[in-house]
């Protein structure tokens, strides 16, 4: 599911198909790039979910604990509480990561475009992608499926750590492996305690939204 759905479809197949149609990221205008990268990320997530759906079909009815999503006040509280716990931890790791990379880490074209462009339409598209689409797709894949699956072969603690590391590796950014692993572990812990994808989705959404707002302020 991870190799075919998340990597092959999103990183190889989709770019090849779009490039063949003349829709590659290079040569696009600023407005077109603003729609191209979020669209590619959503297609990547949809491709991963499609492969996941096809992979689990033979195992229906699915075991209890997979893809648990409930609308509840407790789920909201876990998401909000997880954010305030994550904030000081992530800031500390960010400072350490800055010392390790000395500002020479890999660049992200999506974040660069956010900083460079002041197009309000493009910013809304980016914000929706980061605050809604990415948390929805990624939490279903990594916390809804991967984490509960790993607990069948190891303790919950090690499953949280391993799923967090895979979550970071899937973003294909070496300079962000450390903070993304920590974020993945915090999301995994929140899901393991709340048993509700709503909590990790909400935490993920708040974190991405705050990051986007911070980037916009810094860029301005």
N, C-alpha and C. Protein backbone atom coordinates (compact mmCIF):
# COMPACT_ATOMS: atom_id res chain seq x y z
N UNK A 1 0.83 -1.21 0.00
CA UNK A 1 0.00 0.00 0.00
C UNK A 1 0.86 1.25 0.00
N UNK A 2 1.89 1.28 0.87
CA UNK A 2 2.73 2.47 0.96
C UNK A 2 3.60 2.63 -0.27
N UNK A 3 4.23 1.53 -0.72
CA UNK A 3 5.14 1.61 -1.86
C UNK A 3 4.38 1.91 -3.14
N UNK A 4 3.31 1.18 -3.40
CA UNK A 4 2.57 1.35 -4.65
C UNK A 4 1.69 2.59 -4.59
N UNK A 5 0.90 2.72 -3.51
CA UNK A 5 -0.07 3.80 -3.45
C UNK A 5 0.53 5.15 -3.17
N UNK A 6 1.44 5.21 -2.20
CA UNK A 6 1.95 6.52 -1.78
C UNK A 6 3.16 6.96 -2.59
N UNK A 7 4.06 6.00 -2.92
CA UNK A 7 5.29 6.38 -3.61
C UNK A 7 5.16 6.24 -5.12
N UNK A 8 4.81 5.05 -5.60
CA UNK A 8 4.79 4.82 -7.04
C UNK A 8 3.75 5.70 -7.74
N UNK A 9 2.52 5.70 -7.22
CA UNK A 9 1.45 6.48 -7.86
C UNK A 9 1.75 7.97 -7.76
N UNK A 10 2.10 8.43 -6.54
CA UNK A 10 2.26 9.87 -6.34
C UNK A 10 3.56 10.44 -6.84
N UNK A 11 4.66 9.68 -6.75
CA UNK A 11 5.96 10.23 -7.08
C UNK A 11 6.46 9.86 -8.47
N UNK A 12 5.91 8.81 -9.06
CA UNK A 12 6.40 8.36 -10.37
C UNK A 12 5.30 8.42 -11.43
N UNK A 13 4.20 7.69 -11.17
CA UNK A 13 3.15 7.56 -12.20
C UNK A 13 2.48 8.89 -12.52
N UNK A 14 2.00 9.60 -11.49
CA UNK A 14 1.29 10.86 -11.74
C UNK A 14 2.18 11.90 -12.42
N UNK A 15 3.43 12.13 -11.96
CA UNK A 15 4.28 13.10 -12.66
C UNK A 15 4.54 12.71 -14.11
N UNK A 16 4.70 11.40 -14.40
CA UNK A 16 4.92 10.96 -15.78
C UNK A 16 3.70 11.23 -16.65
N UNK A 17 2.52 10.92 -16.11
CA UNK A 17 1.28 11.14 -16.87
C UNK A 17 1.05 12.62 -17.11
N UNK A 18 1.21 13.43 -16.07
CA UNK A 18 1.01 14.87 -16.21
C UNK A 18 2.05 15.49 -17.12
N UNK A 19 3.29 15.00 -17.03
CA UNK A 19 4.33 15.50 -17.92
C UNK A 19 4.04 15.18 -19.37
N UNK A 20 3.50 13.96 -19.61
CA UNK A 20 3.13 13.59 -20.97
C UNK A 20 2.00 14.43 -21.53
N UNK A 21 1.16 14.94 -20.64
CA UNK A 21 0.05 15.80 -21.06
C UNK A 21 0.45 17.27 -21.11
N UNK A 22 1.73 17.55 -20.84
CA UNK A 22 2.19 18.94 -20.85
C UNK A 22 1.79 19.71 -19.62
N UNK A 23 1.52 18.99 -18.52
CA UNK A 23 1.07 19.65 -17.29
C UNK A 23 2.10 19.55 -16.18
N UNK A 24 3.36 19.42 -16.52
CA UNK A 24 4.42 19.34 -15.53
C UNK A 24 4.58 20.63 -14.77
N UNK A 25 5.25 20.56 -13.63
CA UNK A 25 5.41 21.75 -12.79
C UNK A 25 6.27 22.82 -13.42
N UNK A 26 7.25 22.44 -14.26
CA UNK A 26 8.12 23.42 -14.91
C UNK A 26 7.38 24.11 -16.03
N UNK A 27 7.64 25.37 -16.20
CA UNK A 27 7.03 26.12 -17.29
C UNK A 27 5.65 26.65 -16.99
N UNK A 28 5.13 26.41 -15.80
CA UNK A 28 3.81 26.90 -15.44
C UNK A 28 3.93 28.30 -14.86
N UNK A 29 2.87 29.07 -15.00
CA UNK A 29 2.83 30.39 -14.38
C UNK A 29 2.67 30.25 -12.89
N UNK A 30 2.81 31.37 -12.16
CA UNK A 30 2.71 31.32 -10.71
C UNK A 30 1.32 30.86 -10.27
N UNK A 31 0.26 31.34 -10.93
CA UNK A 31 -1.10 30.91 -10.59
C UNK A 31 -1.29 29.42 -10.90
N UNK A 32 -0.76 28.98 -12.05
CA UNK A 32 -0.89 27.58 -12.42
C UNK A 32 -0.12 26.68 -11.46
N UNK A 33 1.07 27.10 -11.01
CA UNK A 33 1.82 26.31 -10.04
C UNK A 33 1.08 26.24 -8.71
N UNK A 34 0.39 27.32 -8.37
CA UNK A 34 -0.36 27.36 -7.12
C UNK A 34 -1.47 26.32 -7.10
N UNK A 35 -2.02 25.99 -8.25
CA UNK A 35 -3.04 24.96 -8.33
C UNK A 35 -2.44 23.59 -8.62
N UNK A 36 -1.28 23.56 -9.31
CA UNK A 36 -0.70 22.30 -9.73
C UNK A 36 -0.21 21.48 -8.54
N UNK A 37 0.58 22.06 -7.65
CA UNK A 37 1.16 21.30 -6.55
C UNK A 37 0.11 20.79 -5.56
N UNK A 38 -0.86 21.61 -5.11
CA UNK A 38 -1.91 21.05 -4.24
C UNK A 38 -2.72 19.97 -4.94
N UNK A 39 -3.00 20.16 -6.24
CA UNK A 39 -3.72 19.14 -6.99
C UNK A 39 -2.96 17.84 -7.05
N UNK A 40 -1.63 17.93 -7.22
CA UNK A 40 -0.81 16.73 -7.25
C UNK A 40 -0.82 16.03 -5.90
N UNK A 41 -0.79 16.80 -4.81
CA UNK A 41 -0.82 16.20 -3.48
C UNK A 41 -2.15 15.50 -3.22
N UNK A 42 -3.25 16.11 -3.66
CA UNK A 42 -4.55 15.47 -3.47
C UNK A 42 -4.67 14.20 -4.31
N UNK A 43 -4.14 14.25 -5.54
CA UNK A 43 -4.16 13.06 -6.38
C UNK A 43 -3.30 11.96 -5.78
N UNK A 44 -2.19 12.35 -5.18
CA UNK A 44 -1.31 11.39 -4.51
C UNK A 44 -2.06 10.70 -3.36
N UNK A 45 -2.75 11.49 -2.54
CA UNK A 45 -3.51 10.91 -1.44
C UNK A 45 -4.64 10.03 -1.92
N UNK A 46 -5.34 10.47 -2.96
CA UNK A 46 -6.43 9.66 -3.51
C UNK A 46 -5.90 8.35 -4.07
N UNK A 47 -4.73 8.41 -4.71
CA UNK A 47 -4.14 7.18 -5.24
C UNK A 47 -3.78 6.22 -4.13
N UNK A 48 -3.23 6.75 -3.03
CA UNK A 48 -2.91 5.90 -1.89
C UNK A 48 -4.14 5.25 -1.29
N UNK A 49 -5.23 6.02 -1.15
CA UNK A 49 -6.47 5.47 -0.61
C UNK A 49 -7.07 4.43 -1.54
N UNK A 50 -6.95 4.64 -2.85
CA UNK A 50 -7.48 3.67 -3.82
C UNK A 50 -6.74 2.34 -3.71
N UNK A 51 -5.42 2.40 -3.60
CA UNK A 51 -4.64 1.17 -3.44
C UNK A 51 -4.97 0.51 -2.11
N UNK A 52 -5.14 1.32 -1.06
CA UNK A 52 -5.50 0.78 0.25
C UNK A 52 -6.84 0.07 0.19
N UNK A 53 -7.84 0.71 -0.43
CA UNK A 53 -9.17 0.10 -0.54
C UNK A 53 -9.09 -1.23 -1.30
N UNK A 54 -8.32 -1.27 -2.38
CA UNK A 54 -8.18 -2.50 -3.16
C UNK A 54 -7.45 -3.57 -2.35
N UNK A 55 -6.48 -3.17 -1.52
CA UNK A 55 -5.67 -4.12 -0.76
C UNK A 55 -6.47 -4.80 0.35
N UNK A 56 -7.39 -4.07 0.98
CA UNK A 56 -8.09 -4.64 2.14
C UNK A 56 -9.39 -5.34 1.75
N UNK A 57 -9.76 -5.28 0.47
CA UNK A 57 -11.01 -5.93 0.05
C UNK A 57 -11.10 -7.40 0.45
N UNK A 58 -10.04 -8.21 0.27
CA UNK A 58 -10.16 -9.64 0.62
C UNK A 58 -10.33 -9.90 2.11
N UNK A 59 -10.10 -8.89 2.95
CA UNK A 59 -10.11 -9.11 4.40
C UNK A 59 -11.38 -8.60 5.06
N UNK A 60 -12.37 -8.23 4.28
CA UNK A 60 -13.63 -7.78 4.86
C UNK A 60 -14.40 -8.97 5.42
N UNK A 61 -15.11 -8.77 6.55
CA UNK A 61 -15.18 -7.55 7.36
C UNK A 61 -13.85 -7.26 8.06
N UNK A 62 -13.49 -5.99 8.11
CA UNK A 62 -12.20 -5.60 8.64
C UNK A 62 -12.15 -5.77 10.15
N UNK A 63 -10.97 -6.07 10.69
CA UNK A 63 -10.84 -6.21 12.15
C UNK A 63 -11.19 -4.90 12.86
N UNK A 64 -11.65 -5.04 14.08
CA UNK A 64 -11.98 -3.86 14.89
C UNK A 64 -10.72 -3.05 15.17
N UNK A 65 -10.83 -1.74 15.10
CA UNK A 65 -9.70 -0.86 15.38
C UNK A 65 -9.12 -0.20 14.15
N UNK A 66 -9.52 -0.63 12.96
CA UNK A 66 -9.05 0.00 11.74
C UNK A 66 -10.01 1.11 11.32
N UNK A 67 -9.46 2.24 10.92
CA UNK A 67 -10.24 3.36 10.36
C UNK A 67 -11.34 3.84 11.30
N UNK A 68 -11.04 3.93 12.58
CA UNK A 68 -12.04 4.36 13.56
C UNK A 68 -12.17 5.87 13.54
N UNK A 69 -13.33 6.35 13.13
CA UNK A 69 -13.60 7.79 13.06
C UNK A 69 -14.96 8.07 13.67
N UNK A 70 -14.97 8.81 14.78
CA UNK A 70 -16.22 9.11 15.49
C UNK A 70 -16.28 10.59 15.81
N UNK A 71 -17.43 11.19 15.60
CA UNK A 71 -17.65 12.58 15.98
C UNK A 71 -18.01 12.63 17.46
N UNK A 72 -17.11 13.15 18.26
CA UNK A 72 -17.35 13.20 19.71
C UNK A 72 -16.58 14.35 20.32
N UNK A 73 -17.09 14.85 21.43
CA UNK A 73 -16.41 15.92 22.13
C UNK A 73 -15.07 15.47 22.68
N UNK A 74 -14.97 14.22 23.13
CA UNK A 74 -13.72 13.71 23.64
C UNK A 74 -12.66 13.67 22.53
N UNK A 75 -13.10 13.32 21.31
CA UNK A 75 -12.16 13.32 20.19
C UNK A 75 -11.62 14.70 19.90
N UNK A 76 -12.48 15.71 20.01
CA UNK A 76 -12.05 17.09 19.80
C UNK A 76 -11.06 17.51 20.88
N UNK A 77 -11.34 17.15 22.13
CA UNK A 77 -10.46 17.51 23.24
C UNK A 77 -9.09 16.87 23.10
N UNK A 78 -9.03 15.63 22.65
CA UNK A 78 -7.75 14.97 22.44
C UNK A 78 -6.97 15.68 21.33
N UNK A 79 -7.66 16.11 20.29
CA UNK A 79 -6.98 16.82 19.21
C UNK A 79 -6.42 18.15 19.67
N UNK A 80 -7.22 18.91 20.41
CA UNK A 80 -6.75 20.21 20.91
C UNK A 80 -5.64 20.05 21.94
N UNK A 81 -5.83 19.10 22.85
CA UNK A 81 -4.81 18.87 23.86
C UNK A 81 -3.50 18.39 23.24
N UNK A 82 -3.61 17.54 22.22
CA UNK A 82 -2.41 17.05 21.54
C UNK A 82 -1.63 18.17 20.89
N UNK A 83 -2.32 19.20 20.41
CA UNK A 83 -1.62 20.32 19.78
C UNK A 83 -0.78 21.08 20.81
N UNK A 84 -1.36 21.35 21.97
CA UNK A 84 -0.63 22.12 22.98
C UNK A 84 0.53 21.32 23.57
N UNK A 85 0.40 19.99 23.58
CA UNK A 85 1.53 19.16 24.00
C UNK A 85 2.60 19.14 22.92
N UNK A 86 2.17 19.09 21.66
CA UNK A 86 3.11 19.01 20.54
C UNK A 86 3.90 20.29 20.36
N UNK A 87 3.29 21.43 20.67
CA UNK A 87 3.90 22.72 20.36
C UNK A 87 5.30 22.89 20.98
N UNK A 88 5.48 22.74 22.29
CA UNK A 88 6.84 22.92 22.83
C UNK A 88 7.81 21.84 22.36
N UNK A 89 7.32 20.61 22.21
CA UNK A 89 8.19 19.52 21.75
C UNK A 89 8.68 19.78 20.33
N UNK A 90 7.78 20.20 19.45
CA UNK A 90 8.14 20.45 18.06
C UNK A 90 9.06 21.66 17.94
N UNK A 91 8.85 22.67 18.78
CA UNK A 91 9.73 23.84 18.74
C UNK A 91 11.14 23.46 19.16
N UNK A 92 11.25 22.62 20.18
CA UNK A 92 12.56 22.16 20.62
C UNK A 92 13.27 21.36 19.55
N UNK A 93 12.56 20.44 18.91
CA UNK A 93 13.16 19.63 17.85
C UNK A 93 13.50 20.50 16.64
N UNK A 94 12.69 21.52 16.38
CA UNK A 94 12.97 22.42 15.25
C UNK A 94 14.29 23.15 15.47
N UNK A 95 14.55 23.59 16.70
CA UNK A 95 15.81 24.25 17.02
C UNK A 95 16.99 23.30 16.84
N UNK A 96 16.82 22.06 17.30
CA UNK A 96 17.87 21.06 17.13
C UNK A 96 18.09 20.76 15.65
N UNK A 97 17.00 20.63 14.91
CA UNK A 97 17.11 20.35 13.48
C UNK A 97 17.81 21.48 12.73
N UNK A 98 17.56 22.71 13.17
CA UNK A 98 18.22 23.87 12.56
C UNK A 98 19.72 23.82 12.78
N UNK A 99 20.13 23.38 13.97
CA UNK A 99 21.55 23.26 14.26
C UNK A 99 22.21 22.17 13.43
N UNK A 100 21.47 21.10 13.19
CA UNK A 100 22.02 19.99 12.41
C UNK A 100 22.21 20.37 10.95
N UNK A 101 21.21 21.04 10.38
CA UNK A 101 21.22 21.33 8.94
C UNK A 101 21.75 22.72 8.61
N UNK A 102 21.82 23.60 9.60
CA UNK A 102 22.33 24.95 9.37
C UNK A 102 21.61 25.65 8.22
N UNK A 103 20.30 25.41 8.14
CA UNK A 103 19.52 26.06 7.09
C UNK A 103 19.77 25.56 5.69
N UNK A 104 20.47 24.41 5.57
CA UNK A 104 20.82 23.88 4.25
C UNK A 104 19.99 22.67 3.87
N UNK A 105 18.84 22.49 4.51
CA UNK A 105 18.01 21.34 4.23
C UNK A 105 17.35 21.44 2.87
N UNK A 106 16.72 20.33 2.49
CA UNK A 106 16.05 20.29 1.20
C UNK A 106 14.90 21.27 1.13
N UNK A 107 14.64 21.77 -0.05
CA UNK A 107 13.57 22.75 -0.25
C UNK A 107 12.29 22.05 -0.67
N UNK A 108 11.18 22.66 -0.33
CA UNK A 108 9.86 22.15 -0.69
C UNK A 108 9.22 23.15 -1.64
N UNK A 109 8.95 22.76 -2.89
CA UNK A 109 8.40 23.72 -3.85
C UNK A 109 7.05 24.28 -3.43
N UNK A 110 6.27 23.47 -2.72
CA UNK A 110 4.97 23.95 -2.26
C UNK A 110 5.14 25.09 -1.26
N UNK A 111 6.04 24.91 -0.28
CA UNK A 111 6.26 25.95 0.71
C UNK A 111 6.94 27.17 0.09
N UNK A 112 7.84 26.97 -0.84
CA UNK A 112 8.48 28.08 -1.52
C UNK A 112 7.47 28.94 -2.25
N UNK A 113 6.52 28.27 -2.90
CA UNK A 113 5.50 29.01 -3.64
C UNK A 113 4.63 29.83 -2.69
N UNK A 114 4.31 29.27 -1.52
CA UNK A 114 3.53 30.00 -0.52
C UNK A 114 4.25 31.27 -0.11
N UNK A 115 5.56 31.17 0.08
CA UNK A 115 6.34 32.32 0.51
C UNK A 115 6.49 33.35 -0.59
N UNK A 116 6.58 32.91 -1.83
CA UNK A 116 6.87 33.81 -2.93
C UNK A 116 5.63 34.51 -3.48
N UNK A 117 4.50 33.79 -3.50
CA UNK A 117 3.30 34.32 -4.15
C UNK A 117 2.36 34.95 -3.12
N UNK A 118 1.76 36.04 -3.48
CA UNK A 118 0.79 36.72 -2.62
C UNK A 118 -0.62 36.67 -3.22
N UNK A 119 -0.84 35.75 -4.14
CA UNK A 119 -2.13 35.59 -4.78
C UNK A 119 -3.13 35.03 -3.76
N UNK A 120 -4.20 35.77 -3.42
CA UNK A 120 -5.14 35.28 -2.39
C UNK A 120 -5.82 33.97 -2.78
N UNK A 121 -6.13 33.79 -4.08
CA UNK A 121 -6.76 32.55 -4.51
C UNK A 121 -5.82 31.38 -4.30
N UNK A 122 -4.55 31.56 -4.68
CA UNK A 122 -3.56 30.51 -4.51
C UNK A 122 -3.36 30.17 -3.04
N UNK A 123 -3.35 31.19 -2.18
CA UNK A 123 -3.17 30.96 -0.76
C UNK A 123 -4.33 30.16 -0.17
N UNK A 124 -5.55 30.45 -0.63
CA UNK A 124 -6.72 29.69 -0.15
C UNK A 124 -6.60 28.23 -0.57
N UNK A 125 -6.17 28.00 -1.81
CA UNK A 125 -6.00 26.63 -2.29
C UNK A 125 -4.96 25.90 -1.46
N UNK A 126 -3.83 26.55 -1.20
CA UNK A 126 -2.78 25.94 -0.39
C UNK A 126 -3.30 25.63 1.01
N UNK A 127 -4.04 26.59 1.58
CA UNK A 127 -4.51 26.42 2.95
C UNK A 127 -5.47 25.24 3.05
N UNK A 128 -6.39 25.12 2.10
CA UNK A 128 -7.34 24.01 2.11
C UNK A 128 -6.61 22.68 1.98
N UNK A 129 -5.60 22.66 1.11
CA UNK A 129 -4.82 21.43 0.92
C UNK A 129 -4.12 21.03 2.21
N UNK A 130 -3.47 22.00 2.87
CA UNK A 130 -2.70 21.70 4.07
C UNK A 130 -3.59 21.41 5.27
N UNK A 131 -4.71 22.14 5.38
CA UNK A 131 -5.53 22.05 6.58
C UNK A 131 -6.62 20.97 6.50
N UNK A 132 -6.99 20.57 5.29
CA UNK A 132 -8.09 19.61 5.13
C UNK A 132 -7.64 18.35 4.40
N UNK A 133 -7.16 18.50 3.17
CA UNK A 133 -6.85 17.34 2.34
C UNK A 133 -5.72 16.49 2.92
N UNK A 134 -4.59 17.12 3.25
CA UNK A 134 -3.44 16.37 3.75
C UNK A 134 -3.76 15.63 5.06
N UNK A 135 -4.36 16.29 6.07
CA UNK A 135 -4.70 15.54 7.29
C UNK A 135 -5.66 14.39 7.04
N UNK A 136 -6.64 14.59 6.16
CA UNK A 136 -7.62 13.54 5.89
C UNK A 136 -6.95 12.31 5.28
N UNK A 137 -6.22 12.51 4.18
CA UNK A 137 -5.59 11.38 3.49
C UNK A 137 -4.53 10.71 4.37
N UNK A 138 -3.66 11.52 4.96
CA UNK A 138 -2.52 10.96 5.68
C UNK A 138 -2.94 10.26 6.97
N UNK A 139 -3.93 10.78 7.66
CA UNK A 139 -4.35 10.13 8.90
C UNK A 139 -5.04 8.80 8.63
N UNK A 140 -5.81 8.71 7.56
CA UNK A 140 -6.41 7.42 7.20
C UNK A 140 -5.33 6.40 6.89
N UNK A 141 -4.31 6.81 6.14
CA UNK A 141 -3.24 5.89 5.75
C UNK A 141 -2.36 5.48 6.92
N UNK A 142 -1.86 6.47 7.66
CA UNK A 142 -0.83 6.20 8.64
C UNK A 142 -1.37 5.86 10.03
N UNK A 143 -2.42 6.52 10.48
CA UNK A 143 -2.97 6.21 11.78
C UNK A 143 -4.17 5.27 11.68
N UNK A 144 -4.99 5.44 10.66
CA UNK A 144 -6.15 4.57 10.54
C UNK A 144 -5.82 3.16 10.14
N UNK A 145 -4.76 2.98 9.31
CA UNK A 145 -4.42 1.65 8.81
C UNK A 145 -3.06 1.15 9.32
N UNK A 146 -2.00 1.94 9.09
CA UNK A 146 -0.66 1.45 9.38
C UNK A 146 -0.44 1.20 10.87
N UNK A 147 -0.76 2.16 11.72
CA UNK A 147 -0.50 2.03 13.15
C UNK A 147 -1.24 0.83 13.76
N UNK A 148 -2.57 0.69 13.57
CA UNK A 148 -3.24 -0.49 14.14
C UNK A 148 -2.69 -1.80 13.57
N UNK A 149 -2.29 -1.80 12.30
CA UNK A 149 -1.74 -3.02 11.71
C UNK A 149 -0.43 -3.40 12.38
N UNK A 150 0.42 -2.43 12.67
CA UNK A 150 1.71 -2.71 13.29
C UNK A 150 1.56 -3.24 14.71
N UNK A 151 0.47 -2.86 15.40
CA UNK A 151 0.28 -3.32 16.78
C UNK A 151 0.02 -4.81 16.85
N UNK A 152 -0.24 -5.45 15.73
CA UNK A 152 -0.42 -6.90 15.70
C UNK A 152 0.91 -7.63 15.74
N UNK A 153 2.01 -6.89 15.51
CA UNK A 153 3.33 -7.52 15.44
C UNK A 153 4.29 -6.96 16.48
N UNK A 154 3.92 -5.90 17.17
CA UNK A 154 4.80 -5.29 18.17
C UNK A 154 3.96 -4.53 19.18
N UNK A 155 4.60 -4.01 20.22
CA UNK A 155 3.87 -3.25 21.23
C UNK A 155 3.38 -1.93 20.63
N UNK A 156 2.42 -1.32 21.31
CA UNK A 156 1.85 -0.07 20.81
C UNK A 156 2.93 1.01 20.74
N UNK A 157 3.81 1.07 21.75
CA UNK A 157 4.86 2.09 21.75
C UNK A 157 5.76 1.99 20.54
N UNK A 158 6.25 0.78 20.25
CA UNK A 158 7.12 0.61 19.08
C UNK A 158 6.35 0.83 17.78
N UNK A 159 5.07 0.48 17.75
CA UNK A 159 4.25 0.72 16.56
C UNK A 159 4.11 2.22 16.30
N UNK A 160 3.96 3.00 17.37
CA UNK A 160 3.87 4.45 17.22
C UNK A 160 5.17 5.01 16.66
N UNK A 161 6.30 4.55 17.20
CA UNK A 161 7.60 5.04 16.74
C UNK A 161 7.84 4.66 15.28
N UNK A 162 7.59 3.39 14.93
CA UNK A 162 7.83 2.94 13.56
C UNK A 162 6.90 3.63 12.57
N UNK A 163 5.62 3.76 12.92
CA UNK A 163 4.69 4.44 12.02
C UNK A 163 5.05 5.91 11.87
N UNK A 164 5.58 6.53 12.95
CA UNK A 164 6.03 7.92 12.86
C UNK A 164 7.21 8.06 11.93
N UNK A 165 8.15 7.10 11.99
CA UNK A 165 9.31 7.13 11.11
C UNK A 165 8.91 6.92 9.66
N UNK A 166 7.98 6.01 9.41
CA UNK A 166 7.50 5.78 8.04
C UNK A 166 6.75 7.00 7.53
N UNK A 167 5.98 7.64 8.39
CA UNK A 167 5.27 8.87 8.05
C UNK A 167 6.26 9.94 7.59
N UNK A 168 7.37 10.08 8.32
CA UNK A 168 8.40 11.06 7.95
C UNK A 168 9.07 10.69 6.64
N UNK A 169 9.42 9.40 6.49
CA UNK A 169 10.11 8.96 5.27
C UNK A 169 9.25 9.15 4.04
N UNK A 170 7.93 9.00 4.19
CA UNK A 170 7.03 9.12 3.05
C UNK A 170 7.00 10.53 2.48
N UNK A 171 7.43 11.52 3.27
CA UNK A 171 7.44 12.90 2.78
C UNK A 171 8.68 13.21 1.94
N UNK A 172 9.63 12.27 1.88
CA UNK A 172 10.78 12.37 0.98
C UNK A 172 11.56 13.68 1.17
N UNK A 173 11.76 14.07 2.41
CA UNK A 173 12.54 15.28 2.71
C UNK A 173 13.50 14.95 3.84
N UNK A 174 14.77 14.71 3.51
CA UNK A 174 15.75 14.27 4.50
C UNK A 174 15.90 15.27 5.63
N UNK A 175 15.88 16.57 5.30
CA UNK A 175 16.08 17.57 6.33
C UNK A 175 14.91 17.68 7.30
N UNK A 176 13.76 17.10 6.97
CA UNK A 176 12.59 17.19 7.83
C UNK A 176 12.26 15.87 8.52
N UNK A 177 13.15 14.87 8.39
CA UNK A 177 12.88 13.56 8.96
C UNK A 177 12.69 13.64 10.48
N UNK A 178 13.55 14.37 11.17
CA UNK A 178 13.48 14.44 12.63
C UNK A 178 12.19 15.08 13.12
N UNK A 179 11.84 16.30 12.68
CA UNK A 179 10.58 16.89 13.17
C UNK A 179 9.34 16.13 12.70
N UNK A 180 9.38 15.58 11.49
CA UNK A 180 8.21 14.84 11.00
C UNK A 180 8.04 13.52 11.75
N UNK A 181 9.15 12.90 12.13
CA UNK A 181 9.05 11.67 12.93
C UNK A 181 8.41 11.97 14.28
N UNK A 182 8.85 13.06 14.91
CA UNK A 182 8.24 13.44 16.19
C UNK A 182 6.76 13.76 16.03
N UNK A 183 6.43 14.52 14.98
CA UNK A 183 5.02 14.83 14.74
C UNK A 183 4.21 13.56 14.51
N UNK A 184 4.77 12.63 13.73
CA UNK A 184 4.08 11.37 13.49
C UNK A 184 3.88 10.57 14.76
N UNK A 185 4.87 10.60 15.67
CA UNK A 185 4.74 9.89 16.94
C UNK A 185 3.66 10.54 17.82
N UNK A 186 3.62 11.86 17.83
CA UNK A 186 2.59 12.55 18.62
C UNK A 186 1.20 12.24 18.06
N UNK A 187 1.06 12.28 16.75
CA UNK A 187 -0.22 11.93 16.14
C UNK A 187 -0.60 10.49 16.45
N UNK A 188 0.39 9.59 16.41
CA UNK A 188 0.13 8.20 16.74
C UNK A 188 -0.28 8.01 18.18
N UNK A 189 0.37 8.74 19.10
CA UNK A 189 0.03 8.65 20.52
C UNK A 189 -1.40 9.13 20.75
N UNK A 190 -1.75 10.26 20.13
CA UNK A 190 -3.10 10.81 20.30
C UNK A 190 -4.14 9.84 19.77
N UNK A 191 -3.85 9.22 18.62
CA UNK A 191 -4.81 8.25 18.07
C UNK A 191 -4.91 7.01 18.96
N UNK A 192 -3.76 6.54 19.46
CA UNK A 192 -3.77 5.33 20.29
C UNK A 192 -4.55 5.55 21.58
N UNK A 193 -4.48 6.76 22.13
CA UNK A 193 -5.19 7.03 23.38
C UNK A 193 -6.66 7.35 23.15
N UNK A 194 -6.96 8.06 22.07
CA UNK A 194 -8.35 8.45 21.82
C UNK A 194 -9.12 7.39 21.06
N UNK A 195 -8.41 6.52 20.32
CA UNK A 195 -9.03 5.52 19.44
C UNK A 195 -10.01 6.18 18.47
N UNK A 196 -9.59 7.36 17.98
CA UNK A 196 -10.49 8.14 17.12
C UNK A 196 -9.67 8.94 16.13
N UNK A 197 -9.87 8.70 14.84
CA UNK A 197 -9.16 9.45 13.81
C UNK A 197 -9.50 10.93 13.82
N UNK A 198 -10.66 11.28 14.36
CA UNK A 198 -11.01 12.69 14.46
C UNK A 198 -9.96 13.45 15.24
N UNK A 199 -9.42 12.85 16.30
CA UNK A 199 -8.44 13.53 17.14
C UNK A 199 -7.15 13.80 16.38
N UNK A 200 -6.61 12.78 15.72
CA UNK A 200 -5.35 12.98 14.99
C UNK A 200 -5.55 13.87 13.77
N UNK A 201 -6.71 13.77 13.11
CA UNK A 201 -7.00 14.65 11.98
C UNK A 201 -7.07 16.10 12.43
N UNK A 202 -7.73 16.34 13.56
CA UNK A 202 -7.85 17.71 14.08
C UNK A 202 -6.49 18.27 14.47
N UNK A 203 -5.69 17.48 15.18
CA UNK A 203 -4.34 17.90 15.56
C UNK A 203 -3.51 18.19 14.31
N UNK A 204 -3.55 17.30 13.34
CA UNK A 204 -2.80 17.46 12.09
C UNK A 204 -3.25 18.73 11.37
N UNK A 205 -4.54 18.97 11.33
CA UNK A 205 -5.09 20.14 10.65
C UNK A 205 -4.66 21.43 11.34
N UNK A 206 -4.74 21.47 12.67
CA UNK A 206 -4.34 22.67 13.41
C UNK A 206 -2.86 22.94 13.21
N UNK A 207 -2.04 21.89 13.26
CA UNK A 207 -0.60 22.07 13.10
C UNK A 207 -0.28 22.62 11.71
N UNK A 208 -0.85 22.02 10.68
CA UNK A 208 -0.59 22.50 9.31
C UNK A 208 -1.11 23.92 9.11
N UNK A 209 -2.28 24.22 9.69
CA UNK A 209 -2.86 25.55 9.54
C UNK A 209 -1.97 26.60 10.20
N UNK A 210 -1.51 26.31 11.43
CA UNK A 210 -0.63 27.25 12.13
C UNK A 210 0.68 27.45 11.37
N UNK A 211 1.19 26.36 10.79
CA UNK A 211 2.42 26.46 9.99
C UNK A 211 2.22 27.34 8.77
N UNK A 212 1.08 27.16 8.09
CA UNK A 212 0.78 27.97 6.91
C UNK A 212 0.66 29.44 7.27
N UNK A 213 -0.03 29.74 8.36
CA UNK A 213 -0.19 31.13 8.79
C UNK A 213 1.18 31.73 9.13
N UNK A 214 2.00 30.95 9.83
CA UNK A 214 3.34 31.43 10.17
C UNK A 214 4.18 31.71 8.93
N UNK A 215 4.12 30.82 7.96
CA UNK A 215 4.86 31.02 6.72
C UNK A 215 4.38 32.27 5.96
N UNK A 216 3.06 32.47 5.98
CA UNK A 216 2.51 33.64 5.30
C UNK A 216 3.00 34.93 5.98
N UNK A 217 2.99 34.93 7.32
CA UNK A 217 3.45 36.13 8.04
C UNK A 217 4.93 36.38 7.78
N UNK A 218 5.73 35.33 7.83
CA UNK A 218 7.17 35.47 7.58
C UNK A 218 7.43 35.92 6.15
N UNK A 219 6.65 35.32 5.22
CA UNK A 219 6.82 35.70 3.82
C UNK A 219 6.44 37.16 3.57
N UNK A 220 5.42 37.63 4.28
CA UNK A 220 5.02 39.03 4.13
C UNK A 220 6.06 39.96 4.71
